[in-house]
N, C-alpha and C. Protein backbone atom coordinates (compact mmCIF):
# COMPACT_ATOMS: atom_id res chain seq x y z
N MET A 1 12.57 54.43 9.02
CA MET A 1 12.75 55.17 10.18
C MET A 1 13.30 56.61 9.89
N LEU A 2 12.83 57.52 10.68
CA LEU A 2 13.27 59.00 10.53
C LEU A 2 14.30 59.24 11.63
N ALA A 3 15.55 59.58 11.23
CA ALA A 3 16.61 59.91 12.13
C ALA A 3 16.70 61.40 12.31
N LEU A 4 16.88 61.87 13.44
CA LEU A 4 17.08 63.15 13.84
C LEU A 4 18.54 63.48 14.38
N TYR A 5 19.28 64.30 13.97
CA TYR A 5 20.53 64.62 14.49
C TYR A 5 20.45 66.06 14.96
N TYR A 6 20.97 66.22 16.22
CA TYR A 6 20.56 67.54 16.96
C TYR A 6 21.68 67.70 18.04
N GLN A 7 21.44 68.97 18.74
CA GLN A 7 22.06 69.38 19.94
C GLN A 7 20.88 69.95 20.74
N ASP A 8 20.80 69.52 22.02
CA ASP A 8 19.65 69.81 22.91
C ASP A 8 20.33 69.88 24.31
N PRO A 9 20.47 71.05 24.92
CA PRO A 9 21.14 71.20 26.23
C PRO A 9 20.46 70.56 27.41
N ASP A 10 19.10 70.30 27.21
CA ASP A 10 18.38 69.79 28.37
C ASP A 10 17.66 68.33 28.13
N GLY A 11 17.97 67.82 26.92
CA GLY A 11 17.47 66.53 26.43
C GLY A 11 15.92 66.39 26.82
N PRO A 12 15.40 65.49 27.75
CA PRO A 12 14.07 65.29 27.96
C PRO A 12 13.45 66.39 28.70
N GLY A 13 14.14 67.36 28.99
CA GLY A 13 13.47 68.56 29.72
C GLY A 13 12.70 69.34 28.59
N ASP A 14 11.84 70.25 29.11
CA ASP A 14 11.04 71.01 28.16
C ASP A 14 11.35 72.47 27.83
N ASP A 15 12.70 72.90 28.28
CA ASP A 15 13.02 74.18 27.95
C ASP A 15 13.69 74.48 26.60
N PHE A 16 14.18 73.24 25.89
CA PHE A 16 14.68 73.24 24.66
C PHE A 16 14.13 72.05 24.03
N GLY A 17 14.13 72.06 22.80
CA GLY A 17 13.81 70.95 21.87
C GLY A 17 13.87 71.02 20.42
N VAL A 18 14.23 69.70 19.85
CA VAL A 18 14.14 69.70 18.29
C VAL A 18 13.42 68.55 18.04
N SER A 19 12.38 68.75 17.05
CA SER A 19 11.41 67.70 16.59
C SER A 19 11.53 67.70 15.14
N ALA A 20 11.25 66.45 14.59
CA ALA A 20 10.99 66.21 12.99
C ALA A 20 9.73 65.37 12.93
N ARG A 21 9.09 65.70 11.78
CA ARG A 21 7.89 65.02 11.50
C ARG A 21 7.80 64.77 9.84
N LEU A 22 7.63 63.33 9.60
CA LEU A 22 7.61 63.06 8.18
C LEU A 22 6.13 63.00 7.85
N SER A 23 5.71 63.74 6.95
CA SER A 23 4.42 63.79 6.52
C SER A 23 4.12 63.37 5.08
N SER A 24 2.80 63.16 4.67
CA SER A 24 2.57 62.62 3.49
C SER A 24 1.38 63.26 2.78
N PHE A 25 1.41 63.33 1.47
CA PHE A 25 0.13 63.84 0.69
C PHE A 25 -0.21 62.85 -0.32
N ALA A 26 -1.33 62.19 -0.21
CA ALA A 26 -1.56 61.01 -1.15
C ALA A 26 -1.86 61.50 -2.31
N ARG A 27 -1.32 60.85 -3.36
CA ARG A 27 -1.52 61.15 -4.73
C ARG A 27 -3.08 60.78 -5.22
N SER A 28 -3.67 59.76 -4.78
CA SER A 28 -4.82 59.52 -5.16
C SER A 28 -6.07 60.31 -4.71
N ASN A 29 -6.01 60.76 -3.48
CA ASN A 29 -7.08 61.60 -3.01
C ASN A 29 -6.75 62.80 -2.32
N GLY A 30 -5.46 63.23 -2.05
CA GLY A 30 -5.01 64.32 -1.27
C GLY A 30 -5.03 64.24 0.22
N ASN A 31 -5.23 63.06 0.78
CA ASN A 31 -5.16 62.93 2.15
C ASN A 31 -3.84 63.44 2.72
N LEU A 32 -3.98 64.18 3.80
CA LEU A 32 -2.62 64.46 4.47
C LEU A 32 -2.41 63.38 5.74
N LYS A 33 -1.19 63.02 6.11
CA LYS A 33 -0.84 62.06 7.07
C LYS A 33 0.41 62.28 7.64
N THR A 34 0.52 62.12 8.92
CA THR A 34 1.79 62.03 9.70
C THR A 34 2.37 60.70 9.61
N GLU A 35 3.40 60.32 8.84
CA GLU A 35 3.85 58.96 9.04
C GLU A 35 4.59 58.57 10.15
N CYS A 36 5.49 59.37 10.57
CA CYS A 36 6.21 59.17 11.87
C CYS A 36 6.86 60.54 12.39
N SER A 37 7.11 60.49 13.48
CA SER A 37 7.83 61.68 14.16
C SER A 37 8.91 61.19 15.12
N VAL A 38 9.72 62.23 15.49
CA VAL A 38 10.87 62.07 16.45
C VAL A 38 11.31 63.27 17.00
N ASN A 39 11.72 63.16 18.36
CA ASN A 39 12.11 64.39 19.06
C ASN A 39 13.34 64.16 19.89
N SER A 40 14.00 65.28 20.30
CA SER A 40 15.22 65.15 21.00
C SER A 40 15.06 64.82 22.49
N LYS A 41 15.70 63.63 22.94
CA LYS A 41 15.41 63.24 24.25
C LYS A 41 16.63 62.93 25.15
N THR A 42 17.76 63.19 24.45
CA THR A 42 19.05 63.04 25.08
C THR A 42 19.97 64.26 25.02
N ALA A 43 20.48 64.71 26.14
CA ALA A 43 21.08 65.93 26.15
C ALA A 43 22.54 65.72 25.52
N GLY A 44 23.12 66.88 25.03
CA GLY A 44 24.35 66.94 24.48
C GLY A 44 24.67 67.27 23.13
N GLN A 45 25.93 67.26 22.60
CA GLN A 45 26.05 67.65 21.15
C GLN A 45 26.02 66.35 20.28
N TRP A 46 25.66 66.56 18.92
CA TRP A 46 25.65 65.60 18.00
C TRP A 46 25.14 64.27 18.55
N GLN A 47 23.90 64.53 18.93
CA GLN A 47 22.96 63.30 19.37
C GLN A 47 22.15 62.77 18.13
N ARG A 48 21.74 61.59 18.20
CA ARG A 48 20.88 61.02 17.08
C ARG A 48 19.73 60.19 17.79
N ASN A 49 18.58 60.48 17.47
CA ASN A 49 17.33 59.77 17.89
C ASN A 49 16.48 59.12 16.54
N ILE A 50 15.90 58.08 16.69
CA ILE A 50 15.13 57.43 15.48
C ILE A 50 13.67 57.29 15.95
N SER A 51 12.92 57.52 14.98
CA SER A 51 11.52 57.06 15.20
C SER A 51 11.20 55.68 15.06
N THR A 52 9.96 55.36 15.24
CA THR A 52 9.40 54.05 14.91
C THR A 52 9.33 53.87 13.34
N PRO A 53 9.20 52.82 12.92
CA PRO A 53 9.36 52.61 11.43
C PRO A 53 8.15 53.51 10.79
N CYS A 54 8.59 54.12 9.61
CA CYS A 54 7.69 54.95 8.84
C CYS A 54 7.18 54.16 7.57
N ASN A 55 6.07 54.44 7.16
CA ASN A 55 5.34 53.93 6.12
C ASN A 55 5.54 54.77 4.85
N VAL A 56 6.40 54.34 3.97
CA VAL A 56 6.85 55.23 2.81
C VAL A 56 6.68 54.37 1.55
N ASP A 57 5.93 55.12 0.62
CA ASP A 57 5.82 54.59 -0.79
C ASP A 57 5.63 55.68 -1.72
N PHE A 58 6.85 55.94 -2.37
CA PHE A 58 7.00 57.02 -3.25
C PHE A 58 6.10 57.02 -4.46
N GLY A 59 5.64 55.94 -4.69
CA GLY A 59 4.71 55.91 -5.86
C GLY A 59 3.26 56.36 -5.53
N LYS A 60 3.02 56.24 -4.19
CA LYS A 60 1.74 56.58 -3.89
C LYS A 60 1.60 57.97 -3.19
N ALA A 61 2.56 58.57 -2.77
CA ALA A 61 2.57 59.82 -1.96
C ALA A 61 3.70 60.68 -2.17
N ILE A 62 3.52 62.03 -1.84
CA ILE A 62 4.58 62.93 -1.87
C ILE A 62 4.96 63.11 -0.47
N TYR A 63 6.21 63.29 -0.05
CA TYR A 63 6.48 63.32 1.50
C TYR A 63 7.38 64.73 1.64
N TRP A 64 7.37 65.09 2.84
CA TRP A 64 8.25 66.21 3.35
C TRP A 64 8.51 66.10 4.75
N VAL A 65 9.61 66.77 5.16
CA VAL A 65 9.94 66.67 6.66
C VAL A 65 9.72 68.14 7.17
N GLU A 66 9.03 68.15 8.35
CA GLU A 66 9.05 69.51 8.98
C GLU A 66 9.83 69.35 10.36
N VAL A 67 10.69 70.38 10.48
CA VAL A 67 11.70 70.35 11.64
C VAL A 67 11.32 71.58 12.56
N ARG A 68 11.10 71.30 13.79
CA ARG A 68 10.97 72.52 14.66
C ARG A 68 12.07 72.54 15.73
N VAL A 69 12.56 73.71 15.89
CA VAL A 69 13.66 73.89 16.96
C VAL A 69 12.96 75.04 18.11
N GLU A 70 12.91 74.61 19.18
CA GLU A 70 12.31 75.31 20.28
C GLU A 70 13.14 75.78 21.35
N ARG A 71 12.77 76.90 21.94
CA ARG A 71 13.63 77.35 23.10
C ARG A 71 12.47 78.30 23.82
N LYS A 72 12.15 77.91 25.14
CA LYS A 72 11.10 78.53 25.76
C LYS A 72 11.47 80.10 26.29
N GLN A 73 12.71 80.23 26.59
CA GLN A 73 13.28 81.58 27.16
C GLN A 73 14.62 81.85 26.48
N PRO A 74 14.86 83.11 26.50
CA PRO A 74 16.25 83.56 25.98
C PRO A 74 17.24 82.82 26.70
N SER A 75 18.37 82.35 26.12
CA SER A 75 19.46 81.66 26.74
C SER A 75 20.78 81.67 25.84
N THR A 76 21.93 81.50 26.60
CA THR A 76 23.10 81.32 25.84
C THR A 76 23.44 79.95 25.55
N GLN A 77 22.59 78.99 25.90
CA GLN A 77 22.85 77.60 25.68
C GLN A 77 22.25 77.39 24.04
N VAL A 78 22.98 76.31 23.58
CA VAL A 78 22.79 76.04 22.01
C VAL A 78 21.82 74.94 21.90
N VAL A 79 20.69 75.26 21.21
CA VAL A 79 19.71 74.08 20.67
C VAL A 79 19.80 74.16 19.25
N GLU A 80 20.09 73.05 18.56
CA GLU A 80 20.53 73.04 17.30
C GLU A 80 19.94 71.75 16.51
N PHE A 81 19.46 72.13 15.19
CA PHE A 81 19.06 71.08 14.43
C PHE A 81 20.31 70.94 13.43
N ASN A 82 20.84 69.56 13.17
CA ASN A 82 21.87 69.24 12.41
C ASN A 82 21.36 68.55 11.09
N ALA A 83 20.57 67.53 11.09
CA ALA A 83 20.20 66.92 9.86
C ALA A 83 19.04 65.95 10.26
N VAL A 84 18.37 65.47 9.19
CA VAL A 84 17.36 64.23 9.36
C VAL A 84 17.75 63.30 8.11
N ALA A 85 17.42 61.97 8.35
CA ALA A 85 17.77 60.98 7.33
C ALA A 85 16.71 60.00 7.33
N LEU A 86 16.18 59.46 6.22
CA LEU A 86 15.29 58.19 6.13
C LEU A 86 16.19 57.17 6.17
N GLU A 87 16.05 56.28 7.06
CA GLU A 87 16.96 55.08 7.18
C GLU A 87 16.16 53.80 7.09
N ASN A 88 16.77 52.77 6.47
CA ASN A 88 16.04 51.43 6.43
C ASN A 88 16.21 50.65 7.80
N SER A 89 15.22 50.00 8.31
CA SER A 89 15.32 49.41 9.63
C SER A 89 15.80 47.89 9.42
N ILE A 90 16.23 47.44 8.21
CA ILE A 90 16.93 46.19 7.94
C ILE A 90 18.22 46.04 8.41
């Protein structure tokens, strides 16, 4: 699972947001794929949200995480990316 740690002042609202996507590049044929993604859905500081299980095999693919922080309008409120982590679901 991909865990996202963030601060989002409006949580499920759409004025602010933080999202993360785990993507892969297959070593055998170069196919690109999104393995899993997660976004901010709870308002507040130091929040954590997790994705559905990700399919990860480091022998077969190269992986990277893309993080997006969005703010629709100028604001004094803080929207912040803190960290991502790959976590085991066991």
